[in-house]
PDB file of N, CA and C in Angstrom:
ATOM      1  N   UNK A   1       0.951  -1.537   0.074  1.00  0.00           N
ATOM      2  CA  UNK A   1      -0.042  -0.213   0.058  1.00  0.00           C
ATOM      3  C   UNK A   1       0.987   1.210  -0.178  1.00  0.00           C
ATOM      4  N   UNK A   2       1.807   1.456   0.713  1.00  0.00           N
ATOM      5  CA  UNK A   2       2.918   2.652   0.979  1.00  0.00           C
ATOM      6  C   UNK A   2       3.397   2.546  -0.536  1.00  0.00           C
ATOM      7  N   UNK A   3       3.891   1.140  -0.829  1.00  0.00           N
ATOM      8  CA  UNK A   3       4.661   1.530  -2.211  1.00  0.00           C
ATOM      9  C   UNK A   3       3.681   1.938  -3.490  1.00  0.00           C
ATOM     10  N   UNK A   4       2.762   1.658  -3.347  1.00  0.00           N
ATOM     11  CA  UNK A   4       1.821   2.401  -4.346  1.00  0.00           C
ATOM     12  C   UNK A   4       1.350   3.862  -4.420  1.00  0.00           C
ATOM     13  N   UNK A   5       1.605   3.770  -3.085  1.00  0.00           N
ATOM     14  CA  UNK A   5       1.155   5.470  -2.680  1.00  0.00           C
ATOM     15  C   UNK A   5       2.539   6.169  -3.137  1.00  0.00           C
ATOM     16  N   UNK A   6       3.679   5.973  -2.975  1.00  0.00           N
ATOM     17  CA  UNK A   6       4.816   6.660  -3.367  1.00  0.00           C
ATOM     18  C   UNK A   6       5.142   6.561  -4.800  1.00  0.00           C
ATOM     19  N   UNK A   7       4.658   5.537  -5.478  1.00  0.00           N
ATOM     20  CA  UNK A   7       5.032   5.483  -6.651  1.00  0.00           C
ATOM     21  C   UNK A   7       3.790   6.437  -7.382  1.00  0.00           C
ATOM     22  N   UNK A   8       3.018   6.649  -6.984  1.00  0.00           N
ATOM     23  CA  UNK A   8       1.820   7.161  -7.497  1.00  0.00           C
ATOM     24  C   UNK A   8       2.142   9.005  -7.182  1.00  0.00           C
ATOM     25  N   UNK A   9       2.740   9.123  -6.188  1.00  0.00           N
ATOM     26  CA  UNK A   9       3.364  10.718  -6.073  1.00  0.00           C
ATOM     27  C   UNK A   9       4.327  10.799  -7.121  1.00  0.00           C
ATOM     28  N   UNK A  10       5.340  10.053  -6.766  1.00  0.00           N
ATOM     29  CA  UNK A  10       6.453  10.612  -7.770  1.00  0.00           C
ATOM     30  C   UNK A  10       5.871  10.345  -9.035  1.00  0.00           C
ATOM     31  N   UNK A  11       4.733   9.637  -9.876  1.00  0.00           N
ATOM     32  CA  UNK A  11       4.180   9.750 -11.128  1.00  0.00           C
ATOM     33  C   UNK A  11       3.935  11.188 -11.181  1.00  0.00           C
ATOM     34  N   UNK A  12       2.951  11.502 -10.093  1.00  0.00           N
ATOM     35  CA  UNK A  12       2.306  13.199 -10.318  1.00  0.00           C
ATOM     36  C   UNK A  12       2.996  14.418 -10.236  1.00  0.00           C
ATOM     37  N   UNK A  13       4.499  13.976  -9.581  1.00  0.00           N
ATOM     38  CA  UNK A  13       5.202  15.190  -9.721  1.00  0.00           C
ATOM     39  C   UNK A  13       5.773  15.558 -10.770  1.00  0.00           C
ATOM     40  N   UNK A  14       5.923  14.398 -11.907  1.00  0.00           N
ATOM     41  CA  UNK A  14       6.623  14.785 -12.594  1.00  0.00           C
ATOM     42  C   UNK A  14       6.430  15.975 -13.878  1.00  0.00           C
ATOM     43  N   UNK A  15       7.305  16.696 -14.036  1.00  0.00           N
ATOM     44  CA  UNK A  15       6.735  17.738 -14.954  1.00  0.00           C
ATOM     45  C   UNK A  15       7.558  17.789 -16.323  1.00  0.00           C
ATOM     46  N   UNK A  16       7.677  18.553 -17.276  1.00  0.00           N
ATOM     47  CA  UNK A  16       7.961  19.119 -18.263  1.00  0.00           C
ATOM     48  C   UNK A  16       8.270  20.663 -18.164  1.00  0.00           C
ATOM     49  N   UNK A  17       9.502  20.712 -18.524  1.00  0.00           N
ATOM     50  CA  UNK A  17      10.078  22.127 -18.466  1.00  0.00           C
ATOM     51  C   UNK A  17      11.247  22.195 -19.898  1.00  0.00           C
ATOM     52  N   UNK A  18      11.311  23.882 -20.322  1.00  0.00           N
ATOM     53  CA  UNK A  18      12.432  24.088 -20.855  1.00  0.00           C
ATOM     54  C   UNK A  18      12.735  25.741 -20.949  1.00  0.00           C
ATOM     55  N   UNK A  19      13.806  25.924 -21.118  1.00  0.00           N
ATOM     56  CA  UNK A  19      14.606  27.198 -21.216  1.00  0.00           C
ATOM     57  C   UNK A  19      14.803  27.698 -22.715  1.00  0.00           C
ATOM     58  N   UNK A  20      14.080  28.837 -23.037  1.00  0.00           N
ATOM     59  CA  UNK A  20      14.658  29.727 -24.571  1.00  0.00           C
ATOM     60  C   UNK A  20      15.172  30.619 -24.322  1.00  0.00           C
ATOM     61  N   UNK A  21      16.257  31.109 -25.071  1.00  0.00           N
ATOM     62  CA  UNK A  21      16.742  32.407 -25.152  1.00  0.00           C
ATOM     63  C   UNK A  21      16.022  33.905 -25.223  1.00  0.00           C
ATOM     64  N   UNK A  22      16.278  34.399 -24.276  1.00  0.00           N
ATOM     65  CA  UNK A  22      15.250  35.741 -24.788  1.00  0.00           C
ATOM     66  C   UNK A  22      16.008  36.720 -25.823  1.00  0.00           C
ATOM     67  N   UNK A  23      15.118  37.591 -26.280  1.00  0.00           N
ATOM     68  CA  UNK A  23      15.581  38.364 -27.492  1.00  0.00           C
ATOM     69  C   UNK A  23      16.323  39.691 -26.573  1.00  0.00           C
ATOM     70  N   UNK A  24      17.583  39.833 -27.093  1.00  0.00           N
ATOM     71  CA  UNK A  24      18.459  41.127 -26.564  1.00  0.00           C
ATOM     72  C   UNK A  24      18.323  42.143 -27.555  1.00  0.00           C
ATOM     73  N   UNK A  25      18.418  43.550 -27.040  1.00  0.00           N
ATOM     74  CA  UNK A  25      18.210  44.533 -27.621  1.00  0.00           C
ATOM     75  C   UNK A  25      19.543  45.187 -27.447  1.00  0.00           C
ATOM     76  N   UNK A  26      20.161  46.227 -28.548  1.00  0.00           N
ATOM     77  CA  UNK A  26      21.722  47.049 -28.206  1.00  0.00           C
ATOM     78  C   UNK A  26      21.078  48.246 -27.478  1.00  0.00           C
ATOM     79  N   UNK A  27      21.740  48.579 -26.360  1.00  0.00           N
ATOM     80  CA  UNK A  27      21.445  49.545 -25.914  1.00  0.00           C
ATOM     81  C   UNK A  27      22.563  50.884 -26.485  1.00  0.00           C
ATOM     82  N   UNK A  28      22.431  52.020 -25.841  1.00  0.00           N
ATOM     83  CA  UNK A  28      22.910  53.167 -26.401  1.00  0.00           C
ATOM     84  C   UNK A  28      24.598  53.022 -26.036  1.00  0.00           C
ATOM     85  N   UNK A  29      25.118  52.451 -25.346  1.00  0.00           N
ATOM     86  CA  UNK A  29      26.738  51.886 -24.908  1.00  0.00           C
ATOM     87  C   UNK A  29      27.069  50.637 -25.964  1.00  0.00           C
ATOM     88  N   UNK A  30      26.114  50.165 -26.642  1.00  0.00           N
ATOM     89  CA  UNK A  30      26.511  49.104 -27.470  1.00  0.00           C
ATOM     90  C   UNK A  30      26.573  47.843 -26.949  1.00  0.00           C
ATOM     91  N   UNK A  31      26.006  47.758 -25.636  1.00  0.00           N
ATOM     92  CA  UNK A  31      25.651  46.491 -24.962  1.00  0.00           C
ATOM     93  C   UNK A  31      24.541  45.936 -25.348  1.00  0.00           C
ATOM     94  N   UNK A  32      24.291  44.473 -25.244  1.00  0.00           N
ATOM     95  CA  UNK A  32      23.482  43.510 -25.277  1.00  0.00           C
ATOM     96  C   UNK A  32      22.409  43.452 -24.051  1.00  0.00           C
ATOM     97  N   UNK A  33      21.399  44.091 -23.747  1.00  0.00           N
ATOM     98  CA  UNK A  33      20.542  43.827 -22.797  1.00  0.00           C
ATOM     99  C   UNK A  33      19.222  43.492 -22.965  1.00  0.00           C
ATOM    100  N   UNK A  34      18.598  42.637 -22.227  1.00  0.00           N
ATOM    101  CA  UNK A  34      17.056  42.355 -22.520  1.00  0.00           C
ATOM    102  C   UNK A  34      16.018  43.455 -22.163  1.00  0.00           C
ATOM    103  N   UNK A  35      15.541  43.866 -22.730  1.00  0.00           N
ATOM    104  CA  UNK A  35      14.324  44.752 -22.231  1.00  0.00           C
ATOM    105  C   UNK A  35      13.162  44.283 -21.607  1.00  0.00           C
ATOM    106  N   UNK A  36      12.788  42.758 -22.200  1.00  0.00           N
ATOM    107  CA  UNK A  36      11.614  42.072 -21.825  1.00  0.00           C
ATOM    108  C   UNK A  36      11.543  40.672 -22.089  1.00  0.00           C
ATOM    109  N   UNK A  37      10.582  40.152 -21.686  1.00  0.00           N
ATOM    110  CA  UNK A  37      10.388  38.716 -22.224  1.00  0.00           C
ATOM    111  C   UNK A  37       9.268  38.327 -22.540  1.00  0.00           C
ATOM    112  N   UNK A  38       9.200  37.650 -24.267  1.00  0.00           N
ATOM    113  CA  UNK A  38       8.107  37.485 -24.674  1.00  0.00           C
ATOM    114  C   UNK A  38       7.122  35.917 -24.095  1.00  0.00           C
ATOM    115  N   UNK A  39       6.413  35.959 -24.097  1.00  0.00           N
ATOM    116  CA  UNK A  39       5.693  34.421 -24.016  1.00  0.00           C
ATOM    117  C   UNK A  39       5.819  33.616 -25.286  1.00  0.00           C
ATOM    118  N   UNK A  40       6.430  32.601 -25.037  1.00  0.00           N
ATOM    119  CA  UNK A  40       6.563  31.828 -25.968  1.00  0.00           C
ATOM    120  C   UNK A  40       5.717  30.958 -26.950  1.00  0.00           C
ATOM    121  N   UNK A  41       4.319  31.075 -26.363  1.00  0.00           N
ATOM    122  CA  UNK A  41       3.244  30.676 -26.840  1.00  0.00           C
ATOM    123  C   UNK A  41       2.466  31.751 -27.712  1.00  0.00           C
ATOM    124  N   UNK A  42       2.072  33.070 -26.890  1.00  0.00           N
ATOM    125  CA  UNK A  42       0.892  34.112 -27.332  1.00  0.00           C
ATOM    126  C   UNK A  42       1.933  35.461 -27.398  1.00  0.00           C
ATOM    127  N   UNK A  43       3.129  35.472 -27.043  1.00  0.00           N
ATOM    128  CA  UNK A  43       4.064  36.356 -27.643  1.00  0.00           C
ATOM    129  C   UNK A  43       3.696  37.571 -26.705  1.00  0.00           C
ATOM    130  N   UNK A  44       2.811  37.548 -25.791  1.00  0.00           N
ATOM    131  CA  UNK A  44       2.715  38.646 -24.688  1.00  0.00           C
ATOM    132  C   UNK A  44       3.907  39.116 -23.944  1.00  0.00           C
ATOM    133  N   UNK A  45       4.105  40.295 -23.562  1.00  0.00           N
ATOM    134  CA  UNK A  45       5.281  40.896 -23.357  1.00  0.00           C
ATOM    135  C   UNK A  45       5.265  40.658 -21.689  1.00  0.00           C
ATOM    136  N   UNK A  46       6.270  40.323 -21.230  1.00  0.00           N
ATOM    137  CA  UNK A  46       6.557  40.586 -19.395  1.00  0.00           C
ATOM    138  C   UNK A  46       7.841  41.118 -18.899  1.00  0.00           C
ATOM    139  N   UNK A  47       7.867  41.578 -18.170  1.00  0.00           N
ATOM    140  CA  UNK A  47       9.237  42.380 -17.461  1.00  0.00           C
ATOM    141  C   UNK A  47       9.998  41.460 -17.175  1.00  0.00           C
ATOM    142  N   UNK A  48      11.074  41.713 -16.891  1.00  0.00           N
ATOM    143  CA  UNK A  48      12.647  41.160 -16.387  1.00  0.00           C
ATOM    144  C   UNK A  48      12.091  40.769 -14.831  1.00  0.00           C
ATOM    145  N   UNK A  49      12.363  39.508 -14.493  1.00  0.00           N
ATOM    146  CA  UNK A  49      12.395  38.949 -13.133  1.00  0.00           C
ATOM    147  C   UNK A  49      10.776  39.032 -12.653  1.00  0.00           C
ATOM    148  N   UNK A  50       9.691  38.590 -13.727  1.00  0.00           N
ATOM    149  CA  UNK A  50       8.453  38.274 -13.251  1.00  0.00           C
ATOM    150  C   UNK A  50       8.518  36.740 -13.776  1.00  0.00           C
ATOM    151  N   UNK A  51       7.285  36.416 -13.437  1.00  0.00           N
ATOM    152  CA  UNK A  51       6.559  35.076 -13.737  1.00  0.00           C
ATOM    153  C   UNK A  51       5.422  35.073 -13.929  1.00  0.00           C
ATOM    154  N   UNK A  52       4.434  34.502 -15.152  1.00  0.00           N
ATOM    155  CA  UNK A  52       3.442  34.445 -15.151  1.00  0.00           C
ATOM    156  C   UNK A  52       2.785  33.207 -15.563  1.00  0.00           C
ATOM    157  N   UNK A  53       1.432  32.602 -15.762  1.00  0.00           N
ATOM    158  CA  UNK A  53       0.939  31.556 -16.378  1.00  0.00           C
ATOM    159  C   UNK A  53       0.439  31.794 -17.627  1.00  0.00           C
ATOM    160  N   UNK A  54       0.831  31.056 -18.514  1.00  0.00           N
ATOM    161  CA  UNK A  54       0.652  31.090 -19.980  1.00  0.00           C
ATOM    162  C   UNK A  54      -0.684  30.291 -20.306  1.00  0.00           C
ATOM    163  N   UNK A  55      -1.166  30.686 -21.691  1.00  0.00           N
ATOM    164  CA  UNK A  55      -2.453  30.167 -21.715  1.00  0.00           C
ATOM    165  C   UNK A  55      -2.398  28.661 -22.093  1.00  0.00           C
ATOM    166  N   UNK A  56      -1.405  28.040 -22.280  1.00  0.00           N
ATOM    167  CA  UNK A  56      -1.126  26.553 -22.165  1.00  0.00           C
ATOM    168  C   UNK A  56      -0.869  25.932 -21.086  1.00  0.00           C
ATOM    169  N   UNK A  57      -1.109  26.507 -19.765  1.00  0.00           N
ATOM    170  CA  UNK A  57      -0.922  25.597 -18.570  1.00  0.00           C
ATOM    171  C   UNK A  57       0.462  25.791 -18.406  1.00  0.00           C
ATOM    172  N   UNK A  58       1.339  26.612 -18.547  1.00  0.00           N
ATOM    173  CA  UNK A  58       2.721  26.433 -18.183  1.00  0.00           C
ATOM    174  C   UNK A  58       3.064  27.719 -17.298  1.00  0.00           C
ATOM    175  N   UNK A  59       3.883  27.440 -16.495  1.00  0.00           N
ATOM    176  CA  UNK A  59       4.290  28.609 -15.635  1.00  0.00           C
ATOM    177  C   UNK A  59       5.646  28.555 -16.062  1.00  0.00           C
ATOM    178  N   UNK A  60       5.840  29.875 -16.905  1.00  0.00           N
ATOM    179  CA  UNK A  60       6.936  30.972 -17.205  1.00  0.00           C
ATOM    180  C   UNK A  60       7.501  31.817 -16.237  1.00  0.00           C
ATOM    181  N   UNK A  61       8.985  31.986 -16.591  1.00  0.00           N
ATOM    182  CA  UNK A  61       9.721  32.857 -15.566  1.00  0.00           C
ATOM    183  C   UNK A  61      10.663  33.505 -16.406  1.00  0.00           C
ATOM    184  N   UNK A  62      11.014  34.920 -16.040  1.00  0.00           N
ATOM    185  CA  UNK A  62      11.754  36.029 -17.027  1.00  0.00           C
ATOM    186  C   UNK A  62      13.023  36.077 -16.284  1.00  0.00           C
ATOM    187  N   UNK A  63      14.097  35.833 -16.796  1.00  0.00           N
ATOM    188  CA  UNK A  63      15.258  36.041 -16.134  1.00  0.00           C
ATOM    189  C   UNK A  63      16.329  36.751 -16.916  1.00  0.00           C
ATOM    190  N   UNK A  64      15.789  37.455 -17.852  1.00  0.00           N
ATOM    191  CA  UNK A  64      16.683  38.624 -18.406  1.00  0.00           C
ATOM    192  C   UNK A  64      17.294  37.686 -19.964  1.00  0.00           C
ATOM    193  N   UNK A  65      18.341  37.164 -19.637  1.00  0.00           N
ATOM    194  CA  UNK A  65      18.923  36.290 -20.738  1.00  0.00           C
ATOM    195  C   UNK A  65      17.827  35.224 -21.385  1.00  0.00           C
ATOM    196  N   UNK A  66      17.196  34.813 -20.447  1.00  0.00           N
ATOM    197  CA  UNK A  66      16.424  33.247 -20.726  1.00  0.00           C
ATOM    198  C   UNK A  66      14.747  33.524 -20.282  1.00  0.00           C
ATOM    199  N   UNK A  67      13.949  32.719 -20.845  1.00  0.00           N
ATOM    200  CA  UNK A  67      12.737  32.505 -20.304  1.00  0.00           C
ATOM    201  C   UNK A  67      12.539  31.060 -19.991  1.00  0.00           C
ATOM    202  N   UNK A  68      12.041  30.250 -18.950  1.00  0.00           N
ATOM    203  CA  UNK A  68      11.926  29.300 -18.597  1.00  0.00           C
ATOM    204  C   UNK A  68      10.413  28.889 -18.368  1.00  0.00           C
ATOM    205  N   UNK A  69       9.724  27.812 -19.143  1.00  0.00           N
ATOM    206  CA  UNK A  69       8.576  27.236 -18.686  1.00  0.00           C
ATOM    207  C   UNK A  69       8.521  25.879 -18.206  1.00  0.00           C
ATOM    208  N   UNK A  70       7.473  25.606 -17.422  1.00  0.00           N
ATOM    209  CA  UNK A  70       7.378  24.432 -17.144  1.00  0.00           C
ATOM    210  C   UNK A  70       5.854  24.134 -16.796  1.00  0.00           C
ATOM    211  N   UNK A  71       5.292  22.625 -17.163  1.00  0.00           N
ATOM    212  CA  UNK A  71       3.809  22.497 -17.095  1.00  0.00           C
ATOM    213  C   UNK A  71       3.478  22.768 -15.625  1.00  0.00           C
ATOM    214  N   UNK A  72       2.144  23.204 -15.805  1.00  0.00           N
ATOM    215  CA  UNK A  72       1.385  23.401 -14.217  1.00  0.00           C
ATOM    216  C   UNK A  72       0.896  22.070 -13.750  1.00  0.00           C
ATOM    217  N   UNK A  73       1.339  21.119 -14.533  1.00  0.00           N
ATOM    218  CA  UNK A  73       0.678  19.756 -14.045  1.00  0.00           C
ATOM    219  C   UNK A  73       1.288  18.752 -14.600  1.00  0.00           C
ATOM    220  N   UNK A  74       0.827  17.355 -13.890  1.00  0.00           N
ATOM    221  CA  UNK A  74       1.977  16.216 -14.273  1.00  0.00           C
ATOM    222  C   UNK A  74       1.860  15.956 -16.083  1.00  0.00           C
ATOM    223  N   UNK A  75       3.044  15.564 -16.639  1.00  0.00           N
ATOM    224  CA  UNK A  75       3.356  15.096 -17.507  1.00  0.00           C
ATOM    225  C   UNK A  75       2.439  13.485 -18.038  1.00  0.00           C
ATOM    226  N   UNK A  76       2.853  12.891 -16.784  1.00  0.00           N
ATOM    227  CA  UNK A  76       1.982  11.240 -16.839  1.00  0.00           C
ATOM    228  C   UNK A  76       1.430  11.056 -15.512  1.00  0.00           C
ATOM    229  N   UNK A  77       0.519  10.582 -15.459  1.00  0.00           N
ATOM    230  CA  UNK A  77      -0.407   9.943 -14.651  1.00  0.00           C
ATOM    231  C   UNK A  77      -0.959   8.671 -14.319  1.00  0.00           C
ATOM    232  N   UNK A  78      -0.628   8.164 -13.252  1.00  0.00           N
ATOM    233  CA  UNK A  78      -1.303   6.909 -13.249  1.00  0.00           C
ATOM    234  C   UNK A  78      -2.503   6.956 -12.539  1.00  0.00           C
ATOM    235  N   UNK A  79      -3.253   6.139 -13.294  1.00  0.00           N
ATOM    236  CA  UNK A  79      -4.643   5.807 -12.818  1.00  0.00           C
ATOM    237  C   UNK A  79      -5.215   4.646 -12.086  1.00  0.00           C
ATOM    238  N   UNK A  80      -6.413   4.348 -11.610  1.00  0.00           N
ATOM    239  CA  UNK A  80      -6.489   3.156 -11.084  1.00  0.00           C
ATOM    240  C   UNK A  80      -7.410   2.522 -12.378  1.00  0.00           C
ATOM    241  N   UNK A  81      -7.303   1.285 -12.363  1.00  0.00           N
ATOM    242  CA  UNK A  81      -8.063   0.120 -13.041  1.00  0.00           C
ATOM    243  C   UNK A  81      -9.584   0.591 -13.468  1.00  0.00           C
ATOM    244  N   UNK A  82      -9.794   0.909 -14.767  1.00  0.00           N
ATOM    245  CA  UNK A  82     -11.254   1.597 -14.935  1.00  0.00           C
ATOM    246  C   UNK A  82     -11.166   3.048 -15.204  1.00  0.00           C
ATOM    247  N   UNK A  83     -10.189   3.956 -14.872  1.00  0.00           N
ATOM    248  CA  UNK A  83     -10.301   5.014 -14.538  1.00  0.00           C
ATOM    249  C   UNK A  83      -9.081   5.608 -15.886  1.00  0.00           C
ATOM    250  N   UNK A  84      -9.494   6.821 -16.255  1.00  0.00           N
ATOM    251  CA  UNK A  84      -8.854   7.695 -16.959  1.00  0.00           C
ATOM    252  C   UNK A  84      -8.493   9.012 -16.245  1.00  0.00           C
ATOM    253  N   UNK A  85      -7.229   9.761 -16.823  1.00  0.00           N
ATOM    254  CA  UNK A  85      -7.162  11.214 -16.680  1.00  0.00           C
ATOM    255  C   UNK A  85      -7.693  12.026 -17.682  1.00  0.00           C
ATOM    256  N   UNK A  86      -8.298  13.115 -17.409  1.00  0.00           N
ATOM    257  CA  UNK A  86      -8.291  14.288 -18.533  1.00  0.00           C
ATOM    258  C   UNK A  86      -7.642  15.552 -18.187  1.00  0.00           C
ATOM    259  N   UNK A  87      -7.207  16.180 -18.712  1.00  0.00           N
ATOM    260  CA  UNK A  87      -6.630  17.706 -18.474  1.00  0.00           C
ATOM    261  C   UNK A  87      -7.801  18.499 -17.979  1.00  0.00           C
ATOM    262  N   UNK A  88      -7.902  19.363 -17.105  1.00  0.00           N
ATOM    263  CA  UNK A  88      -9.024  20.209 -17.130  1.00  0.00           C
ATOM    264  C   UNK A  88      -8.043  21.724 -17.764  1.00  0.00           C
ATOM    265  N   UNK A  89      -7.979  22.175 -18.955  1.00  0.00           N
ATOM    266  CA  UNK A  89      -7.144  23.028 -19.186  1.00  0.00           C
ATOM    267  C   UNK A  89      -7.783  24.264 -18.614  1.00  0.00           C
ATOM    268  N   UNK A  90      -8.769  24.617 -17.771  1.00  0.00           N
ATOM    269  CA  UNK A  90      -9.038  25.867 -17.249  1.00  0.00           C
ATOM    270  C   UNK A  90      -8.329  26.145 -15.846  1.00  0.00           C
ATOM    271  N   UNK A  91      -8.182  24.690 -15.008  1.00  0.00           N
ATOM    272  CA  UNK A  91      -7.894  24.871 -13.978  1.00  0.00           C
ATOM    273  C   UNK A  91      -6.444  24.198 -13.947  1.00  0.00           C
ATOM    274  N   UNK A  92      -5.955  23.516 -15.204  1.00  0.00           N
ATOM    275  CA  UNK A  92      -4.297  23.020 -15.626  1.00  0.00           C
ATOM    276  C   UNK A  92      -4.363  22.195 -14.434  1.00  0.00           C
ATOM    277  N   UNK A  93      -4.985  20.854 -14.163  1.00  0.00           N
ATOM    278  CA  UNK A  93      -5.036  20.072 -13.608  1.00  0.00           C
ATOM    279  C   UNK A  93      -5.799  18.579 -14.067  1.00  0.00           C
ATOM    280  N   UNK A  94      -5.525  17.123 -13.700  1.00  0.00           N
ATOM    281  CA  UNK A  94      -6.271  15.966 -14.076  1.00  0.00           C
ATOM    282  C   UNK A  94      -7.455  15.827 -13.750  1.00  0.00           C
ATOM    283  N   UNK A  95      -8.267  15.742 -13.724  1.00  0.00           N
ATOM    284  CA  UNK A  95      -9.630  14.987 -13.219  1.00  0.00           C
ATOM    285  C   UNK A  95      -9.659  13.719 -13.764  1.00  0.00           C
ATOM    286  N   UNK A  96      -9.537  12.692 -12.517  1.00  0.00           N
ATOM    287  CA  UNK A  96      -9.523  11.361 -12.899  1.00  0.00           C
ATOM    288  C   UNK A  96     -10.899  10.921 -12.504  1.00  0.00           C
ATOM    289  N   UNK A  97     -11.443  10.049 -13.935  1.00  0.00           N
ATOM    290  CA  UNK A  97     -12.565   9.784 -13.812  1.00  0.00           C
ATOM    291  C   UNK A  97     -12.746   8.366 -14.094  1.00  0.00           C
ATOM    292  N   UNK A  98     -14.048   7.732 -14.036  1.00  0.00           N
ATOM    293  CA  UNK A  98     -14.445   6.719 -14.794  1.00  0.00           C
ATOM    294  C   UNK A  98     -14.137   6.539 -16.323  1.00  0.00           C
ATOM    295  N   UNK A  99     -13.703   5.619 -16.909  1.00  0.00           N
ATOM    296  CA  UNK A  99     -13.611   5.545 -18.695  1.00  0.00           C
ATOM    297  C   UNK A  99     -14.405   6.145 -19.333  1.00  0.00           C
ATOM    298  N   UNK A 100     -15.821   5.467 -18.944  1.00  0.00           N
ATOM    299  CA  UNK A 100     -17.162   6.127 -19.836  1.00  0.00           C
ATOM    300  C   UNK A 100     -17.925   6.768 -19.385  1.00  0.00           C
ATOM    301  N   UNK A 101     -17.537   7.520 -18.464  1.00  0.00           N
ATOM    302  CA  UNK A 101     -18.128   8.156 -17.492  1.00  0.00           C
ATOM    303  C   UNK A 101     -17.593   9.533 -17.007  1.00  0.00           C
ATOM    304  N   UNK A 102     -17.306  10.517 -17.498  1.00  0.00           N
ATOM    305  CA  UNK A 102     -16.235  11.896 -16.995  1.00  0.00           C
ATOM    306  C   UNK A 102     -17.088  12.260 -15.656  1.00  0.00           C
ATOM    307  N   UNK A 103     -18.211  12.227 -15.526  1.00  0.00           N
ATOM    308  CA  UNK A 103     -18.815  12.745 -14.339  1.00  0.00           C
ATOM    309  C   UNK A 103     -18.795  11.684 -13.014  1.00  0.00           C
ATOM    310  N   UNK A 104     -18.292  10.457 -13.206  1.00  0.00           N
ATOM    311  CA  UNK A 104     -18.102  10.069 -12.023  1.00  0.00           C
ATOM    312  C   UNK A 104     -16.594   9.725 -11.749  1.00  0.00           C
ATOM    313  N   UNK A 105     -16.117  10.438 -10.844  1.00  0.00           N
ATOM    314  CA  UNK A 105     -14.836  11.001 -10.203  1.00  0.00           C
ATOM    315  C   UNK A 105     -14.538   9.287  -9.737  1.00  0.00           C
ATOM    316  N   UNK A 106     -12.942   8.741  -9.842  1.00  0.00           N
ATOM    317  CA  UNK A 106     -12.321   7.773  -9.461  1.00  0.00           C
ATOM    318  C   UNK A 106     -11.619   8.315  -8.002  1.00  0.00           C
ATOM    319  N   UNK A 107     -11.391   7.434  -7.211  1.00  0.00           N
ATOM    320  CA  UNK A 107     -10.445   7.553  -5.892  1.00  0.00           C
ATOM    321  C   UNK A 107      -9.134   7.259  -6.313  1.00  0.00           C
ATOM    322  N   UNK A 108      -8.514   7.841  -6.116  1.00  0.00           N
ATOM    323  CA  UNK A 108      -6.386   7.636  -6.342  1.00  0.00           C
ATOM    324  C   UNK A 108      -6.123   7.416  -5.135  1.00  0.00           C
TER     325      UNK A 108
END
């Protein structure tokens, strides 16, 4: 019982992350400096040293020279027999329910 709980917990915390280079601009001294960060999905602008939730359930952070984004949900999830997981894109979390009945929740 304890082993299955630990395995489920390990599966639930697995996330996907990536880092991209930020666009740099040349200032009046000829130095390359970041002015802002762009959301890699919707191209919205964000200030340096800020974080935001993207429209695709990602948590992104602007570090100046780079932007990092990680999923706000697990990339893999274990479900009990007879159940499946569906990503709720509004809440950015999985709903675990009976395979043929999305309204019938399963206990994990």
